[in-house]
Structures are given as structure tokens and as C-alpha cells.
Amino acid sequence: MFEFELPEKLRRYVPLLVWLLVALVLLAIPLKIIGYGYLPADDALRHCAKAVSGKPWPEILVLGDAFKIDHNFGWHAILGAVHCATGWGAEDLLIFSVVGLFLIVNGAVLPWLRRPEAWLAALLAAMVVSDLPQRFMLGRPFLLTTAVLMTILFAAQKSRPGLKNLLLFTALIAGCTFVHGVWYLWALPVAAFFFAGRFRWAALVAAAWLAGVVLAALLTGHPAVYLAQALATAFHSVGQHATNRTQATELQPFAGDILAVILVAALVALRRLVKPDAVPFAKNPAFWLVCGCWMLGFRVGRFWEDWGWPALLVLTALEVEFLLLARFAADSLRRLLLAMILAVAAFLAVTSDLNSRWTQSLTWSFLTPDVPEMAGWMPEPGGIFYCADMNIFYQTFFKNPDARWRYQLGYEPSLMPAEDFETYQKILWNHGDAKAYAPWVAKLKPADRLVIRGTSGAAPNLPQLEWHYGVSGLWVGRTPRGSAP
């Protein structure tokens, strides 16, 4: 059968063209999504707003005794420095965070691949199976931890343990711990290396973990408090809730992600098909991390999303690369055509606005003093913004970073004062029933405001307050004008 092939003088450019194609697609994906008007739904909003505000959390939130130090100390320092250097507002910092972190988490894996198009295949598979690449667009510092994790897993397959990797891993773990304080979860990859029988690597990663965490903690200037705060936040965010239903969605258990299990089985079959005598998956720490985090996901879903799925992406990319090396010459036209197909498919799959996943924010209505109908209905200087919906906090703080009020509920409910956390729990337990708000209503002062989601048909059943339907879906309550504090 006739098969067209490139002339010899052009074949040498194929590897370069593939690399350029992969790089351009990875750059085009976040730019396309940002072009929709996309805004992440949660923490990225408050990170950028805090950097613009220049204020510590106690001046932004009403906090209880559990709060000791900023959990994302380094990330806010970086965003604050960018804000001071550029004058960017919260919106510009958000674009910087979303695009920058997407490029970092994807770019970190490319130096380890001889066939970079294998990463496009992994992204495509992840998007089809579990929509995971959506998390790569969240603009949050956990993505730096994800990038470091995948770097370590690739390095263990592509290099040998030694001083160079020890120093590299120490620096990387120090950096991601400085910006994302979840230092204790690095025990997961250490255990994965141990179960894979890679004991020298397990010792190296453990040593890098210890040194990196100490270095990061010292950089904050409050090493003991910073490390203790991370553990306390984990305990409070998971352990203080009466039911999973009242926890943040991503901290709730997952359902098993059966399609990901099928993907793992397909990868095992692919390896046996391509090279039956290849090193078994049981020798790969990424495989054990996938298995362990899949089980832990039945307790907290983020084990799977933040640690298990990135490991599965590494497994997928390695197996696809294994196939490409065996079946496609590095300088062949077939390789170039396959890379083009993968590039188009990955771009279309990730940027597809299925179920408005990238345009949901276009319908958000923000509470700001700039909206004429909100005159007199925003909290006054020194007041407190009460609500039981974290999304309202994220969006309002994002649009009002310089506001002179504080929020009763912020990014982690368990950091609230104990009595307010109890009220918040009762509100969620009773599915937002108006009577559950009574303790907050009783202590509302004239400068404070209570915000509740609802329809324009009827105000919340709290006649002690006067109500205003400020923006779509949000009722704002205040003490009647002229009443005593």
C-alpha cells in the first residue's frame, strides 16, 4: 500500500513542529477560555481581592481562635508584589493567576517527555473521562503542588535518584509549600514510592519533603505557627461538621469515578499489547498513588482530584508515549499528522463550553455600591456582612476588595467564632430556613447587612428586618432605619 512520506530535508523539522504545535495549543487553551469572560467560582477570587486590599485576614473576616496565620502566605505575597509592580486590579490578577498557573501545571511535564503530544492525549482522555482539566483553570495555588507532584513522578521514571534530584525536589516542595500550605499531604507520594518498591526514591522524596517544608516554613517568618495552622485548618474543615452535606463541595466524598477506573484498566491492557514484558504498573509509584487516592476519595474527594488524578495523567502520558515510541518514527509524517489531530481534539474538548462550564460567571450579579439600586443597602464602614453562602463572599469580596466592612463567613466556615459557626451549621442543616438565621438577626447592628439567596417573589420570613431585592437572586436585610443599635 502506497504511503506518502516527507522528503528527507523536511523530516528533520518534524520534532520541532510537534513541539511548537503542543506549546501553541497549551497557550491557546487558557486564552480561549478567558476570552469567554470566564471567572473561577471560588478561591481564586478571594486570593486576588486580598492582594489588592493589602489587608490581613482579621481586617477582612470575623475570625475565631482557630485562625493564627494566613494559610496561603506565599501566594498572597506573590500576588501582592505583582499588584504593586503593575497596578493591576483584581480582574487582571485573576487573568494572571488562571493563565499563568495553567501554563505552569502543563508546562512542567513537557521537559520529561520525548513525545510531547502524549500529554495532549492525556489531557483529552482526562477531559472526556472526568472533566479534570477544568481544575487546571481554577487559578488557585494548589496547582503549583500539582505541577511539583507530576514533576517528581515523571523524574522517577526518567532519571536516577541522586543529589541533583534531591536539591531539585527540595526547592520545588519548598516553593509549593510556601504558596500552598498543605505540607502534610506529601506523605502520600512518599508512601506510593515505598509501595512501588522504589526505596531509594522513597528516601529521597522523604528527605526533600522534610527539608523543603522546613525551608518554606522559615520563609514565612513564623515556622511553627504556619505548619500548625495547616493541620488545624484541615482538622476543622473536615472534623467539625456534623454531616458531609455541610462541608465545602470538594471536601465531600466522591462517587468512585468509574470511568477513571476503566481508563486505568485500558492502560494496563495497552501496555501488555505494546510490550508484554514491560515493567509492571506495580513498580510505578504513580499507579500506587492512583490506587491510594482513589480509596481516600471516598472520605474526601480532593484526595482524588488533587493527588490521584494528576498521578493518573502521568500514567496516561507515559503509556501513550510508550506506544508512540514503538509505532511512530520521530521524524515521520504520520507522527506530525497524529500530533495535529490530538492538538485539535484537545483544544476543542477543553475549550468546549459544555453546560456553560466556562460562561457561568456571565450571569452572576454582584453586590457593589456602584449599582444604583444598592444605595444604602451595602454594609456601612465598620459593619459586618452576614451570609451563609461562600459564593456570595467570594464574589462580593472580589468586586469590593477595598470595602470597609468585614465578612462573617469567608473561605473556611470553621475559622468563624464558635457561636457563629454553630449558627452557620444550623442554617445549612435546615436547608436555609429563615428561622435558623435568628441568632445573626438578633445581633445585627445598623451598619451590618444580612444577605440571603431567594427569588424576587417574597422577602425572607424575617420581619425584624427591612428587605431589599438588590440584584438578581439576592435579598439584603438591615435593621429598620431609626432603630437603636
Protein backbone atom coordinates (compact mmCIF):
# COMPACT_ATOMS: atom_id res chain seq x y z
CA MET A 1 0.00 0.00 0.00
CA PHE A 2 1.36 3.43 -1.01
CA GLU A 3 2.19 5.70 1.90
CA PHE A 4 3.30 9.29 1.31
CA GLU A 5 6.32 10.43 3.32
CA LEU A 6 8.11 13.73 3.67
CA PRO A 7 11.29 14.44 1.74
CA GLU A 8 14.47 13.82 3.72
CA LYS A 9 15.32 17.51 4.02
CA LEU A 10 11.96 18.21 5.69
CA ARG A 11 11.83 15.23 8.04
CA ARG A 12 14.28 16.77 10.49
CA TYR A 13 11.81 19.58 11.20
CA VAL A 14 9.01 17.26 12.32
CA PRO A 15 10.07 17.05 16.02
CA LEU A 16 10.38 20.83 16.20
CA LEU A 17 6.99 21.33 14.55
CA VAL A 18 5.37 18.94 17.03
CA TRP A 19 6.89 20.78 19.98
CA LEU A 20 5.71 24.13 18.63
CA LEU A 21 2.25 22.73 17.99
CA VAL A 22 1.92 21.41 21.55
CA ALA A 23 3.19 24.67 23.03
CA LEU A 24 0.79 26.76 20.94
CA VAL A 25 -2.20 24.62 21.89
CA LEU A 26 -1.37 24.80 25.60
CA LEU A 27 -1.14 28.57 25.31
CA ALA A 28 -4.29 28.89 23.20
CA ILE A 29 -6.50 26.87 25.58
CA PRO A 30 -6.46 29.27 28.57
CA LEU A 31 -6.57 32.34 26.33
CA LYS A 32 -9.65 30.99 24.56
CA ILE A 33 -11.38 30.22 27.85
CA ILE A 34 -10.53 33.61 29.35
CA GLY A 35 -11.93 35.11 26.14
CA TYR A 36 -15.35 33.70 27.05
CA GLY A 37 -15.36 36.00 30.08
CA TYR A 38 -14.61 33.08 32.38
CA LEU A 39 -14.22 33.62 36.12
CA PRO A 40 -13.41 30.78 38.56
CA ALA A 41 -16.12 30.20 41.12
CA ASP A 42 -14.20 30.19 44.38
CA ASP A 43 -10.81 30.79 46.00
CA ALA A 44 -9.04 32.49 43.10
CA LEU A 45 -11.46 35.40 43.54
CA ARG A 46 -10.56 35.93 47.17
CA HIS A 47 -6.82 35.47 46.57
CA CYS A 48 -6.79 38.30 44.04
CA ALA A 49 -9.07 40.53 46.10
CA LYS A 50 -6.86 40.09 49.17
CA ALA A 51 -3.77 41.07 47.20
CA VAL A 52 -5.49 44.26 46.06
CA SER A 53 -6.86 45.07 49.51
CA GLY A 54 -3.44 44.86 51.15
CA LYS A 55 -5.15 43.90 54.41
CA PRO A 56 -4.59 40.86 56.66
CA TRP A 57 -7.45 38.43 57.07
CA PRO A 58 -8.52 39.68 60.53
CA GLU A 59 -9.37 43.02 58.87
CA ILE A 60 -11.41 41.25 56.19
CA LEU A 61 -13.13 38.43 58.09
CA VAL A 62 -14.64 37.97 61.53
CA LEU A 63 -12.38 35.20 62.80
CA GLY A 64 -12.34 32.90 65.79
CA ASP A 65 -9.48 31.47 67.79
CA ALA A 66 -8.67 28.83 65.15
CA PHE A 67 -7.04 31.39 62.85
CA LYS A 68 -3.37 32.11 63.55
CA ILE A 69 -1.71 32.91 60.21
CA ASP A 70 -2.53 33.14 56.51
CA HIS A 71 -2.77 29.62 55.10
CA ASN A 72 -1.57 30.82 51.66
CA PHE A 73 1.11 33.17 52.90
CA GLY A 74 3.44 32.91 49.90
CA TRP A 75 0.74 33.09 47.22
CA HIS A 76 -0.66 36.32 48.62
CA ALA A 77 2.86 37.71 48.87
CA ILE A 78 3.42 36.93 45.17
CA LEU A 79 0.09 38.40 44.05
CA GLY A 80 0.67 41.44 46.27
CA ALA A 81 4.08 42.02 44.69
CA VAL A 82 2.58 41.72 41.18
CA HIS A 83 -0.17 44.15 42.15
CA CYS A 84 2.35 46.68 43.47
CA ALA A 85 4.62 46.31 40.45
CA THR A 86 1.90 46.54 37.80
CA GLY A 87 -1.01 48.34 39.42
CA TRP A 88 -3.30 45.53 38.26
CA GLY A 89 -6.68 45.25 39.90
CA ALA A 90 -8.39 42.05 40.99
CA GLU A 91 -9.63 41.23 37.47
CA ASP A 92 -6.16 41.50 35.93
CA LEU A 93 -4.60 39.49 38.75
CA LEU A 94 -7.21 36.81 38.16
CA ILE A 95 -6.26 36.50 34.48
CA PHE A 96 -2.61 36.35 35.53
CA SER A 97 -3.40 33.57 38.02
CA VAL A 98 -5.60 31.48 35.75
CA VAL A 99 -3.43 31.65 32.64
CA GLY A 100 -0.11 31.52 34.49
CA LEU A 101 -0.96 28.51 36.64
CA PHE A 102 -2.46 26.62 33.70
CA LEU A 103 0.78 27.10 31.77
CA ILE A 104 2.90 26.10 34.76
CA VAL A 105 1.00 22.89 35.52
CA ASN A 106 1.04 21.81 31.87
CA GLY A 107 4.49 23.11 31.01
CA ALA A 108 6.08 21.33 33.98
CA VAL A 109 5.56 17.92 32.39
CA LEU A 110 6.83 18.66 28.88
CA PRO A 111 10.59 18.56 29.60
CA TRP A 112 10.19 14.94 30.72
CA LEU A 113 8.50 13.73 27.53
CA ARG A 114 10.27 12.70 24.34
CA ARG A 115 6.88 12.83 22.64
CA PRO A 116 5.05 15.91 23.98
CA GLU A 117 1.93 15.05 22.01
CA ALA A 118 1.42 12.28 24.56
CA TRP A 119 0.45 14.99 27.04
CA LEU A 120 -2.27 16.25 24.68
CA ALA A 121 -3.61 12.70 24.53
CA ALA A 122 -3.63 12.57 28.35
CA LEU A 123 -5.48 15.89 28.59
CA LEU A 124 -8.00 14.73 26.02
CA ALA A 125 -8.61 11.49 27.90
CA ALA A 126 -8.99 13.33 31.21
CA MET A 127 -11.46 15.81 29.73
CA VAL A 128 -13.58 13.06 28.22
CA VAL A 129 -13.47 10.81 31.28
CA SER A 130 -13.72 13.24 34.16
CA ASP A 131 -13.51 16.91 33.10
CA LEU A 132 -10.34 17.14 35.22
CA PRO A 133 -8.63 19.88 33.14
CA GLN A 134 -11.32 22.24 34.41
CA ARG A 135 -9.42 22.23 37.72
CA PHE A 136 -6.34 23.40 35.84
CA MET A 137 -8.25 26.63 35.13
CA LEU A 138 -9.16 27.43 38.73
CA GLY A 139 -6.25 29.85 39.25
CA ARG A 140 -5.52 28.50 42.73
CA PRO A 141 -2.11 27.77 44.30
CA PHE A 142 -2.80 24.05 44.71
CA LEU A 143 -1.89 23.87 41.02
CA LEU A 144 1.73 24.53 41.93
CA THR A 145 1.60 21.49 44.19
CA THR A 146 0.08 19.53 41.28
CA ALA A 147 2.90 20.65 38.98
CA VAL A 148 5.55 19.63 41.51
CA LEU A 149 3.88 16.26 42.12
CA MET A 150 3.82 15.42 38.41
CA THR A 151 7.42 16.59 38.02
CA ILE A 152 8.53 14.19 40.75
CA LEU A 153 6.54 11.28 39.30
CA PHE A 154 7.99 11.86 35.83
CA ALA A 155 11.51 12.29 37.19
CA ALA A 156 11.29 8.94 38.94
CA GLN A 157 10.60 7.28 35.57
CA LYS A 158 13.06 9.28 33.50
CA SER A 159 16.12 9.70 35.76
CA ARG A 160 18.02 8.18 38.67
CA PRO A 161 17.93 9.20 42.33
CA GLY A 162 20.81 11.43 43.28
CA LEU A 163 21.91 14.77 44.69
CA LYS A 164 20.65 16.72 41.70
CA ASN A 165 17.10 15.41 42.13
CA LEU A 166 17.29 15.84 45.89
CA LEU A 167 18.12 19.54 45.51
CA LEU A 168 15.51 19.98 42.77
CA PHE A 169 12.74 18.31 44.77
CA THR A 170 13.66 20.23 47.93
CA ALA A 171 13.38 23.55 46.10
CA LEU A 172 10.12 22.57 44.42
CA ILE A 173 8.45 21.30 47.59
CA ALA A 174 9.64 24.39 49.47
CA GLY A 175 8.11 26.62 46.79
CA CYS A 176 4.73 24.92 46.67
CA THR A 177 4.53 24.67 50.48
CA PHE A 178 5.28 28.39 50.74
CA VAL A 179 2.34 29.26 48.48
CA HIS A 180 0.04 26.35 49.35
CA GLY A 181 0.39 25.31 52.96
CA VAL A 182 -0.78 21.69 52.65
CA TRP A 183 2.64 20.32 53.59
CA TYR A 184 1.47 17.16 55.35
CA LEU A 185 -0.06 15.52 52.25
CA TRP A 186 3.38 14.90 50.75
CA ALA A 187 3.27 11.74 52.84
CA LEU A 188 1.09 10.32 50.04
CA PRO A 189 3.75 10.23 47.29
CA VAL A 190 6.37 9.05 49.79
CA ALA A 191 4.11 6.10 50.63
CA ALA A 192 3.48 5.49 46.91
CA PHE A 193 7.22 5.17 46.24
CA PHE A 194 7.52 2.78 49.17
CA PHE A 195 4.69 0.52 47.96
CA ALA A 196 6.22 0.50 44.47
CA GLY A 197 9.41 -0.90 45.95
CA ARG A 198 11.37 2.22 44.93
CA PHE A 199 13.01 2.58 48.32
CA ARG A 200 15.87 4.89 47.30
CA TRP A 201 13.36 7.21 45.67
CA ALA A 202 11.11 7.00 48.73
CA ALA A 203 14.01 8.06 50.96
CA LEU A 204 14.99 10.85 48.57
CA VAL A 205 11.44 12.26 48.33
CA ALA A 206 11.03 12.00 52.11
CA ALA A 207 14.28 13.91 52.68
CA ALA A 208 13.28 16.56 50.13
CA TRP A 209 9.87 16.82 51.79
CA LEU A 210 11.38 17.38 55.23
CA ALA A 211 13.95 19.91 54.01
CA GLY A 212 11.50 21.70 51.73
CA VAL A 213 8.82 22.06 54.39
CA VAL A 214 11.31 23.44 56.92
CA LEU A 215 12.66 25.91 54.37
CA ALA A 216 9.18 27.09 53.38
CA ALA A 217 8.11 27.49 56.99
CA LEU A 218 11.21 29.57 57.75
CA LEU A 219 10.44 31.84 54.78
CA THR A 220 7.12 32.82 56.37
CA GLY A 221 8.88 34.11 59.47
CA HIS A 222 6.50 32.09 61.66
CA PRO A 223 7.54 28.48 61.02
CA ALA A 224 5.83 26.65 63.88
CA VAL A 225 2.59 28.62 63.59
CA TYR A 226 2.47 28.21 59.80
CA LEU A 227 2.85 24.44 59.95
CA ALA A 228 0.40 24.10 62.85
CA GLN A 229 -2.18 26.29 61.08
CA ALA A 230 -2.22 23.93 58.09
CA LEU A 231 -3.01 20.95 60.30
CA ALA A 232 -5.58 22.87 62.32
CA THR A 233 -7.34 24.08 59.17
CA ALA A 234 -7.53 20.52 57.84
CA PHE A 235 -8.92 19.25 61.12
CA HIS A 236 -11.51 21.98 61.46
CA SER A 237 -12.64 21.97 57.83
CA VAL A 238 -13.33 18.22 57.89
CA GLY A 239 -13.76 17.26 61.52
CA GLN A 240 -16.10 19.93 62.87
CA HIS A 241 -19.03 19.30 60.54
CA ALA A 242 -21.92 17.18 61.74
CA THR A 243 -22.50 15.79 58.23
CA ASN A 244 -20.68 15.80 54.90
CA ARG A 245 -23.52 17.85 53.44
CA THR A 246 -22.43 20.98 55.31
CA GLN A 247 -18.80 20.75 54.16
CA ALA A 248 -17.40 22.50 51.10
CA THR A 249 -18.35 20.51 48.00
CA GLU A 250 -14.78 19.50 47.14
CA LEU A 251 -14.24 18.16 50.66
CA GLN A 252 -17.20 15.80 50.38
CA PRO A 253 -16.73 12.16 49.32
CA PHE A 254 -16.66 11.28 45.63
CA ALA A 255 -18.71 8.57 43.92
CA GLY A 256 -15.86 6.40 42.68
CA ASP A 257 -15.22 7.92 39.23
CA ILE A 258 -15.82 4.60 37.47
CA LEU A 259 -14.67 5.91 34.09
CA ALA A 260 -11.25 6.63 35.58
CA VAL A 261 -11.09 3.04 36.82
CA ILE A 262 -11.87 1.88 33.28
CA LEU A 263 -9.10 4.15 31.98
CA VAL A 264 -6.59 2.50 34.33
CA ALA A 265 -7.67 -0.93 33.08
CA ALA A 266 -7.27 0.27 29.49
CA LEU A 267 -3.74 1.49 30.23
CA VAL A 268 -2.82 -1.91 31.68
CA ALA A 269 -4.18 -3.60 28.56
CA LEU A 270 -2.33 -1.16 26.31
CA ARG A 271 1.00 -1.91 28.00
CA ARG A 272 0.50 -5.67 27.60
CA LEU A 273 -0.41 -5.17 23.95
CA VAL A 274 2.58 -2.98 23.08
CA LYS A 275 5.22 -4.74 25.13
CA PRO A 276 4.15 -7.74 27.22
CA ASP A 277 7.49 -7.94 29.05
CA ALA A 278 7.46 -4.27 30.11
CA VAL A 279 7.94 -3.27 33.76
CA PRO A 280 4.59 -3.84 35.52
CA PHE A 281 2.49 -0.99 36.84
CA ALA A 282 3.14 -2.20 40.39
CA LYS A 283 6.68 -0.78 40.07
CA ASN A 284 5.40 2.69 39.22
CA PRO A 285 4.65 4.96 42.23
CA ALA A 286 2.09 6.86 40.14
CA PHE A 287 -0.01 3.70 39.98
CA TRP A 288 0.03 3.31 43.76
CA LEU A 289 -0.83 6.98 44.21
CA VAL A 290 -3.81 6.50 41.90
CA CYS A 291 -4.98 3.46 43.88
CA GLY A 292 -4.45 5.03 47.31
CA CYS A 293 -6.07 8.36 46.49
CA TRP A 294 -8.99 6.60 44.80
CA MET A 295 -9.72 4.84 48.10
CA LEU A 296 -9.20 8.02 50.16
CA GLY A 297 -11.57 9.85 47.82
CA PHE A 298 -14.45 8.00 49.45
CA ARG A 299 -13.63 10.07 52.54
CA VAL A 300 -12.59 13.39 50.97
CA GLY A 301 -12.90 13.95 47.23
CA ARG A 302 -9.88 16.23 47.00
CA PHE A 303 -7.52 13.31 47.64
CA TRP A 304 -8.60 12.01 44.26
CA GLU A 305 -8.87 15.32 42.42
CA ASP A 306 -5.60 16.88 43.63
CA TRP A 307 -3.36 13.82 44.00
CA GLY A 308 -4.93 10.79 42.35
CA TRP A 309 -5.94 12.29 39.01
CA PRO A 310 -2.60 14.06 38.40
CA ALA A 311 -0.89 10.72 39.01
CA LEU A 312 -3.29 9.11 36.52
CA LEU A 313 -2.41 11.81 33.99
CA VAL A 314 1.25 10.90 34.41
CA LEU A 315 0.44 7.22 33.90
CA THR A 316 -1.60 8.02 30.80
CA ALA A 317 1.07 10.25 29.25
CA LEU A 318 3.80 7.65 29.90
CA GLU A 319 1.78 4.84 28.35
CA VAL A 320 0.80 6.88 25.30
CA GLU A 321 4.41 7.92 24.85
CA PHE A 322 5.43 4.26 25.14
CA LEU A 323 3.04 3.46 22.28
CA LEU A 324 4.19 6.40 20.14
CA LEU A 325 7.85 5.49 20.54
CA ALA A 326 7.09 1.94 19.46
CA ARG A 327 4.86 2.71 16.48
CA PHE A 328 5.74 6.18 15.12
CA ALA A 329 9.13 7.33 13.87
CA ALA A 330 10.20 10.63 15.44
CA ASP A 331 10.52 12.38 12.05
CA SER A 332 7.62 10.76 10.20
CA LEU A 333 4.66 12.45 8.56
CA ARG A 334 2.39 10.04 10.44
CA ARG A 335 3.65 11.45 13.73
CA LEU A 336 3.04 15.02 12.59
CA LEU A 337 -0.49 14.24 11.42
CA LEU A 338 -1.33 12.43 14.65
CA ALA A 339 0.00 15.37 16.68
CA MET A 340 -2.20 17.74 14.66
CA ILE A 341 -5.25 15.57 15.30
CA LEU A 342 -4.52 15.40 19.02
CA ALA A 343 -3.93 19.16 19.15
CA VAL A 344 -7.27 19.97 17.52
CA ALA A 345 -9.15 17.38 19.58
CA ALA A 346 -7.61 18.50 22.89
CA PHE A 347 -8.25 22.17 22.13
CA LEU A 348 -11.88 21.59 21.18
CA ALA A 349 -12.56 19.27 24.12
CA VAL A 350 -11.06 21.51 26.80
CA THR A 351 -12.43 24.81 25.46
CA SER A 352 -15.91 23.45 24.72
CA ASP A 353 -18.45 25.42 26.74
CA LEU A 354 -20.48 22.32 27.56
CA ASN A 355 -23.22 23.12 30.10
CA SER A 356 -21.84 26.69 30.29
CA ARG A 357 -18.84 25.49 32.27
CA TRP A 358 -16.77 28.45 31.08
CA THR A 359 -19.53 31.09 30.86
CA GLN A 360 -21.49 30.60 34.08
CA SER A 361 -19.98 33.74 35.55
CA LEU A 362 -21.56 35.88 32.82
CA THR A 363 -24.89 35.50 34.62
CA TRP A 364 -23.56 36.43 38.08
CA SER A 365 -24.96 39.55 39.73
CA PHE A 366 -22.54 41.32 42.06
CA LEU A 367 -23.33 43.34 45.14
CA THR A 368 -21.43 46.63 44.85
CA PRO A 369 -22.07 50.23 45.91
CA ASP A 370 -21.72 51.16 42.22
CA VAL A 371 -25.13 49.62 41.47
CA PRO A 372 -27.66 52.48 41.90
CA GLU A 373 -30.34 50.30 43.46
CA MET A 374 -27.89 49.25 46.18
CA ALA A 375 -27.52 52.77 47.60
CA GLY A 376 -27.85 52.47 51.39
CA TRP A 377 -28.05 48.70 51.28
CA MET A 378 -24.39 47.74 51.39
CA PRO A 379 -22.71 47.38 54.81
CA GLU A 380 -21.52 50.68 56.24
CA PRO A 381 -17.90 51.36 57.33
CA GLY A 382 -17.10 49.12 60.26
CA GLY A 383 -20.11 46.91 59.56
CA ILE A 384 -20.33 43.17 59.11
CA PHE A 385 -21.57 41.33 56.02
CA TYR A 386 -23.55 38.29 57.17
CA CYS A 387 -24.36 35.43 54.79
CA ALA A 388 -24.35 31.63 54.77
CA ASP A 389 -23.18 31.21 51.18
CA MET A 390 -19.44 31.20 50.46
CA ASN A 391 -20.04 32.03 46.81
CA ILE A 392 -21.60 35.33 47.87
CA PHE A 393 -18.48 36.08 49.92
CA TYR A 394 -16.13 35.23 47.05
CA GLN A 395 -18.00 37.34 44.51
CA THR A 396 -18.66 40.32 46.79
CA PHE A 397 -15.10 40.47 48.12
CA PHE A 398 -13.74 40.15 44.58
CA LYS A 399 -15.75 43.17 43.43
CA ASN A 400 -15.16 45.18 46.63
CA PRO A 401 -11.57 44.50 47.75
CA ASP A 402 -11.22 47.93 49.35
CA ALA A 403 -14.53 47.85 51.21
CA ARG A 404 -14.51 48.99 54.82
CA TRP A 405 -16.60 46.16 56.19
CA ARG A 406 -15.83 42.59 57.28
CA TYR A 407 -17.41 39.28 56.33
CA GLN A 408 -18.86 36.89 58.88
CA LEU A 409 -18.37 33.92 56.54
CA GLY A 410 -15.21 33.65 54.48
CA TYR A 411 -13.30 30.92 52.68
CA GLU A 412 -13.45 28.39 55.52
CA PRO A 413 -16.50 28.28 57.84
CA SER A 414 -14.66 26.61 60.71
CA LEU A 415 -12.49 29.73 61.13
CA MET A 416 -15.54 31.68 62.30
CA PRO A 417 -16.14 32.33 66.00
CA ALA A 418 -17.67 29.23 67.59
CA GLU A 419 -21.16 30.66 68.10
CA ASP A 420 -21.33 31.91 64.52
CA PHE A 421 -20.12 28.57 63.17
CA GLU A 422 -22.94 26.92 65.12
CA THR A 423 -25.44 29.29 63.52
CA TYR A 424 -23.99 28.62 60.07
CA GLN A 425 -24.27 24.88 60.66
CA LYS A 426 -27.92 25.19 61.67
CA ILE A 427 -28.68 27.24 58.54
CA LEU A 428 -27.22 24.54 56.29
CA TRP A 429 -28.71 21.74 58.36
CA ASN A 430 -32.16 23.27 57.87
CA HIS A 431 -31.59 23.95 54.17
CA GLY A 432 -31.56 27.72 54.63
CA ASP A 433 -34.77 28.03 56.66
CA ALA A 434 -35.23 31.63 57.76
CA LYS A 435 -35.64 30.76 61.45
CA ALA A 436 -32.10 29.41 61.56
CA TYR A 437 -30.80 32.94 60.93
CA ALA A 438 -32.31 34.20 64.22
CA PRO A 439 -29.01 34.43 66.17
CA TRP A 440 -27.50 36.62 63.47
CA VAL A 441 -30.62 38.74 63.15
CA ALA A 442 -30.61 39.33 66.91
CA LYS A 443 -27.13 40.85 66.89
CA LEU A 444 -27.39 42.77 63.61
CA LYS A 445 -26.36 46.41 64.02
CA PRO A 446 -27.35 49.34 61.79
CA ALA A 447 -24.03 49.16 59.93
CA ASP A 448 -24.41 45.42 59.27
CA ARG A 449 -26.25 43.62 56.48
CA LEU A 450 -27.67 40.11 56.12
CA VAL A 451 -27.71 38.64 52.60
CA ILE A 452 -29.86 35.63 51.66
CA ARG A 453 -30.45 33.97 48.33
CA GLY A 454 -34.04 33.91 47.15
CA THR A 455 -36.45 34.90 44.41
CA SER A 456 -37.99 38.30 43.85
CA GLY A 457 -41.42 36.95 44.78
CA ALA A 458 -41.19 37.26 48.56
CA ALA A 459 -38.68 38.59 51.06
CA PRO A 460 -37.18 36.16 53.62
CA ASN A 461 -39.53 35.44 56.50
CA LEU A 462 -37.62 37.62 58.95
CA PRO A 463 -39.92 40.59 59.68
CA GLN A 464 -37.47 42.01 62.24
CA LEU A 465 -35.51 43.41 59.29
CA GLU A 466 -36.40 45.51 56.31
CA TRP A 467 -35.52 43.90 52.98
CA HIS A 468 -34.40 44.97 49.56
CA TYR A 469 -34.15 42.80 46.45
CA GLY A 470 -30.85 44.31 45.38
CA VAL A 471 -29.55 42.22 42.48
CA SER A 472 -30.83 39.08 40.84
CA GLY A 473 -31.29 36.29 43.35
CA LEU A 474 -30.09 38.20 46.44
CA TRP A 475 -32.07 39.78 49.26
CA VAL A 476 -30.31 42.28 51.54
CA GLY A 477 -31.67 42.86 55.03
CA ARG A 478 -30.89 45.61 57.53
CA THR A 479 -32.25 46.86 60.82
CA PRO A 480 -35.15 49.27 60.31
CA ARG A 481 -33.92 52.81 59.89
CA GLY A 482 -34.03 54.76 63.15
CA SER A 483 -33.81 51.67 65.39
CA ALA A 484 -31.26 51.57 68.18
CA PRO A 485 -28.04 49.57 67.78
